[in-house]
N, C-alpha and C. Protein backbone atom coordinates (compact mmCIF):
# COMPACT_ATOMS: atom_id res chain seq x y z
N MET A 1 41.68 61.24 43.27
CA MET A 1 42.71 60.82 43.33
C MET A 1 42.43 59.27 43.40
N TYR A 2 41.46 58.82 43.92
CA TYR A 2 41.33 57.23 43.85
C TYR A 2 41.04 56.74 42.59
N ARG A 3 40.16 57.76 41.95
CA ARG A 3 39.61 57.23 40.67
C ARG A 3 40.73 57.41 39.50
N TYR A 4 41.59 58.36 39.63
CA TYR A 4 42.88 58.44 38.69
C TYR A 4 43.87 57.19 38.87
N ALA A 5 43.96 56.83 40.18
CA ALA A 5 44.78 55.56 40.47
C ALA A 5 44.11 54.29 39.97
N GLU A 6 42.88 54.10 39.91
CA GLU A 6 42.01 53.01 39.51
C GLU A 6 42.23 52.86 38.00
N SER A 7 42.41 54.03 37.29
CA SER A 7 42.49 54.28 36.07
C SER A 7 44.05 53.56 35.68
N ARG A 8 44.94 54.09 36.37
CA ARG A 8 46.37 53.74 36.13
C ARG A 8 46.35 52.08 36.38
N LYS A 9 45.67 51.76 37.48
CA LYS A 9 45.96 50.28 37.69
C LYS A 9 45.41 49.44 36.48
N LYS A 10 44.42 49.93 35.99
CA LYS A 10 43.78 49.19 34.89
C LYS A 10 44.59 49.20 33.65
N ASP A 11 45.27 50.17 33.73
CA ASP A 11 46.44 50.55 32.40
C ASP A 11 47.73 49.47 32.71
N VAL A 12 48.15 49.15 34.01
CA VAL A 12 48.88 48.28 34.43
C VAL A 12 48.29 46.98 34.16
N ASP A 13 47.18 46.71 34.66
CA ASP A 13 46.66 45.19 34.27
C ASP A 13 46.72 44.67 32.79
N ARG A 14 46.36 45.97 32.02
CA ARG A 14 46.26 45.64 30.55
C ARG A 14 47.81 45.68 29.97
N GLY A 15 48.65 45.88 30.53
CA GLY A 15 49.98 45.94 30.00
C GLY A 15 50.66 47.14 29.45
N ALA A 16 49.62 48.25 29.43
CA ALA A 16 49.88 49.48 28.93
C ALA A 16 50.79 50.28 29.42
N GLU A 17 51.31 50.22 30.94
CA GLU A 17 52.13 50.77 31.79
C GLU A 17 52.74 49.97 32.44
N THR A 18 54.17 50.21 33.09
CA THR A 18 54.23 49.43 34.04
C THR A 18 53.86 50.09 35.34
N PRO A 19 53.99 49.12 36.56
CA PRO A 19 53.55 49.41 38.00
C PRO A 19 54.30 50.68 38.44
N GLU A 20 55.66 50.70 37.87
CA GLU A 20 56.54 52.22 38.40
C GLU A 20 56.12 53.25 37.85
N LEU A 21 55.73 53.43 36.31
CA LEU A 21 55.57 54.44 35.65
C LEU A 21 53.95 55.14 36.27
N ALA A 22 53.14 53.90 36.55
CA ALA A 22 51.69 54.25 36.69
C ALA A 22 51.76 54.92 38.33
N ALA A 23 52.68 54.27 39.20
CA ALA A 23 52.66 55.03 40.61
C ALA A 23 53.41 56.19 40.50
N PHE A 24 54.40 56.30 39.54
CA PHE A 24 55.05 57.70 39.45
C PHE A 24 53.93 58.76 38.96
N LEU A 25 53.08 58.42 37.85
CA LEU A 25 52.18 59.31 37.62
C LEU A 25 51.01 59.72 38.61
N VAL A 26 50.57 58.59 39.61
CA VAL A 26 49.62 58.77 40.38
C VAL A 26 50.45 59.68 41.60
N GLN A 27 51.56 59.57 41.89
CA GLN A 27 51.98 60.33 43.09
C GLN A 27 52.34 61.81 42.73
N LYS A 28 52.80 62.02 41.15
CA LYS A 28 52.71 63.41 40.78
C LYS A 28 51.36 64.15 40.77
N TYR A 29 50.40 63.39 40.38
CA TYR A 29 48.93 64.00 40.54
C TYR A 29 48.51 64.17 41.97
N GLY A 30 48.85 63.34 42.70
CA GLY A 30 48.46 63.23 44.26
C GLY A 30 49.03 64.31 44.87
N TYR A 31 50.32 64.43 44.58
CA TYR A 31 51.19 65.48 45.05
C TYR A 31 50.44 66.99 44.76
N GLY A 32 50.23 67.08 43.56
CA GLY A 32 49.38 68.38 43.14
C GLY A 32 47.90 68.33 43.94
N SER A 33 47.33 67.46 43.90
CA SER A 33 45.83 67.53 44.66
C SER A 33 46.13 68.07 46.01
N ALA A 34 47.18 67.17 46.85
CA ALA A 34 47.70 67.52 47.83
C ALA A 34 47.91 69.23 48.40
N ASP A 35 48.97 69.85 47.38
CA ASP A 35 49.06 71.19 47.60
C ASP A 35 47.87 71.82 47.17
N ARG A 36 47.06 71.64 46.51
CA ARG A 36 45.86 72.52 45.95
C ARG A 36 44.79 72.39 47.18
N ALA A 37 44.56 71.27 48.16
CA ALA A 37 43.94 70.98 49.02
C ALA A 37 44.45 71.81 50.24
N SER A 38 45.55 71.88 50.38
CA SER A 38 46.38 72.53 51.37
C SER A 38 46.07 73.99 51.53
N LEU A 39 46.66 74.63 50.17
CA LEU A 39 46.06 76.10 49.72
C LEU A 39 44.60 76.40 50.08
N ALA A 40 43.82 75.71 49.61
CA ALA A 40 42.19 76.06 49.74
C ALA A 40 42.08 75.97 51.29
N ALA A 41 42.77 74.94 52.09
CA ALA A 41 42.47 75.13 53.54
C ALA A 41 42.83 76.29 54.29
N ASN A 42 44.19 76.57 53.64
CA ASN A 42 44.94 78.15 54.21
C ASN A 42 43.74 79.13 53.64
N LEU A 43 43.51 79.24 52.44
CA LEU A 43 42.36 80.31 52.16
C LEU A 43 41.30 80.21 53.31
N LEU A 44 40.51 79.09 53.27
CA LEU A 44 39.54 79.18 54.07
C LEU A 44 39.54 78.87 55.36
N GLU A 45 40.60 79.03 56.15
CA GLU A 45 40.89 78.93 57.37
C GLU A 45 40.33 77.58 58.00
N CYS A 46 40.48 76.70 57.39
CA CYS A 46 40.05 74.96 57.59
C CYS A 46 41.21 74.45 58.08
N PRO A 47 41.24 73.36 58.78
CA PRO A 47 42.08 72.14 59.03
C PRO A 47 42.91 71.91 57.76
N LYS A 48 44.11 71.61 57.75
CA LYS A 48 44.60 70.95 56.51
C LYS A 48 44.24 69.63 56.45
N PRO A 49 44.08 69.11 55.39
CA PRO A 49 44.06 67.43 55.31
C PRO A 49 45.16 66.90 54.95
N ASP A 50 45.33 65.88 55.44
CA ASP A 50 46.74 64.99 55.40
C ASP A 50 46.30 63.72 54.07
N LEU A 51 46.97 64.39 52.92
CA LEU A 51 46.42 63.36 51.84
C LEU A 51 47.71 62.70 51.56
N MET A 52 48.77 62.70 52.28
CA MET A 52 50.21 62.00 51.99
C MET A 52 50.09 60.80 52.28
N ARG A 53 49.35 60.02 53.50
CA ARG A 53 49.25 58.89 54.12
C ARG A 53 48.45 58.30 52.95
N ASP A 54 47.42 58.92 52.44
CA ASP A 54 46.66 58.18 51.39
C ASP A 54 47.05 57.80 50.05
N LEU A 55 48.19 58.84 49.90
CA LEU A 55 48.90 58.93 48.48
C LEU A 55 49.99 57.73 48.45
N ASP A 56 50.46 57.71 49.79
CA ASP A 56 51.06 56.43 50.08
C ASP A 56 50.69 55.27 49.80
N GLN A 57 49.63 55.01 50.24
CA GLN A 57 48.57 53.69 50.32
C GLN A 57 48.49 53.46 48.84
N VAL A 58 47.86 54.36 48.23
CA VAL A 58 47.49 54.20 46.93
C VAL A 58 48.92 53.86 45.84
N ALA A 59 49.81 54.60 46.17
CA ALA A 59 51.04 54.33 45.29
C ALA A 59 51.53 52.86 45.74
N THR A 60 51.32 52.36 46.85
CA THR A 60 51.80 51.00 47.59
C THR A 60 50.98 49.81 46.62
N SER A 61 49.63 50.00 46.51
CA SER A 61 48.88 49.19 46.12
C SER A 61 48.98 48.96 44.36
N ILE A 62 49.82 50.13 43.83
CA ILE A 62 50.03 49.98 42.20
C ILE A 62 51.29 49.30 42.33
N ASP A 63 52.30 49.73 43.05
CA ASP A 63 53.80 49.43 42.66
C ASP A 63 54.26 49.28 44.39
N PRO A 64 54.41 48.23 44.91
CA PRO A 64 54.72 47.79 46.27
C PRO A 64 56.12 48.20 46.58
N ASP A 65 57.06 48.52 45.62
CA ASP A 65 58.53 49.04 45.54
C ASP A 65 58.40 50.59 44.98
N TRP A 66 57.48 51.17 45.13
CA TRP A 66 57.33 52.63 44.74
C TRP A 66 58.50 53.44 45.52
N ARG A 67 58.64 53.35 46.90
CA ARG A 67 59.66 53.94 47.67
C ARG A 67 61.14 53.67 46.99
N THR A 68 61.64 52.56 46.71
CA THR A 68 62.81 52.09 46.30
C THR A 68 63.12 52.78 44.97
N ASN A 69 61.90 52.57 43.92
CA ASN A 69 61.89 53.11 42.60
C ASN A 69 61.93 54.66 42.58
N GLN A 70 61.43 55.32 43.55
CA GLN A 70 61.44 56.89 43.68
C GLN A 70 62.99 57.13 43.93
N GLN A 71 63.60 56.69 44.84
CA GLN A 71 64.83 56.77 45.08
C GLN A 71 65.51 56.61 43.99
N ARG A 72 65.57 55.56 43.27
CA ARG A 72 66.60 55.19 41.95
C ARG A 72 66.27 56.37 40.99
N ARG A 73 64.88 57.31 40.87
CA ARG A 73 64.76 58.19 39.93
C ARG A 73 65.47 59.25 40.41
N PHE A 74 65.46 59.50 41.76
CA PHE A 74 66.13 60.59 42.32
C PHE A 74 67.72 60.71 42.27
N ASP A 75 68.32 59.27 42.35
CA ASP A 75 69.68 58.98 42.12
C ASP A 75 70.16 59.22 40.69
N ALA A 76 69.40 58.94 40.06
CA ALA A 76 69.59 59.05 38.40
C ALA A 76 70.03 60.38 37.73
N ARG A 77 71.06 60.51 37.08
CA ARG A 77 71.48 61.90 36.55
C ARG A 77 71.85 61.64 35.12
N PRO A 78 71.32 62.09 34.42
CA PRO A 78 69.93 63.02 34.51
C PRO A 78 68.88 61.83 34.50
N ALA A 79 67.96 62.31 35.22
CA ALA A 79 66.53 61.26 35.56
C ALA A 79 66.13 61.28 34.12
N ALA A 80 65.26 60.09 33.81
CA ALA A 80 64.51 60.18 32.53
C ALA A 80 63.74 58.96 32.93
N LEU A 81 62.78 58.83 31.68
CA LEU A 81 61.93 57.62 31.28
C LEU A 81 62.56 56.93 30.26
N ASP A 82 62.52 55.49 30.40
CA ASP A 82 63.07 54.70 29.53
C ASP A 82 61.88 54.09 28.56
N PHE A 83 61.74 54.69 27.40
CA PHE A 83 60.64 54.15 26.39
C PHE A 83 61.01 52.97 25.43
N SER A 84 62.09 52.31 25.86
CA SER A 84 62.51 51.41 25.04
C SER A 84 61.54 49.96 24.90
N GLY A 85 60.68 49.82 26.00
CA GLY A 85 59.97 48.70 26.17
C GLY A 85 60.58 47.43 26.71
N LYS A 86 62.04 47.55 27.36
CA LYS A 86 62.76 46.65 27.56
C LYS A 86 62.32 46.19 29.16
C-alpha cells in the first residue's frame, strides 16, 4: 500500500494526476488490501489488522481534503470522473 501511495504521489508531483484522483485510487487499492488482510486473518484465525487508520493517513498525505472530496463523490449523482483537464 505504501509503495502504491508513493507512486501516486510521484504522479501528482509531476502533474499527471490531481491529488483528489490519486487519493481516490489509493483508497480503493487500500480498501481492497484491507479486505484481503481481514479475510486472511479470519482463515488463519489470527487477529485482524487495522489498516484503515494507516490508509486514512496515507490518503491525507496525498490529499489533505480527501474526506471532503470523498463526500462530494458520494453526493454526486451520477458519480463520475471528470477528464476535461479543467
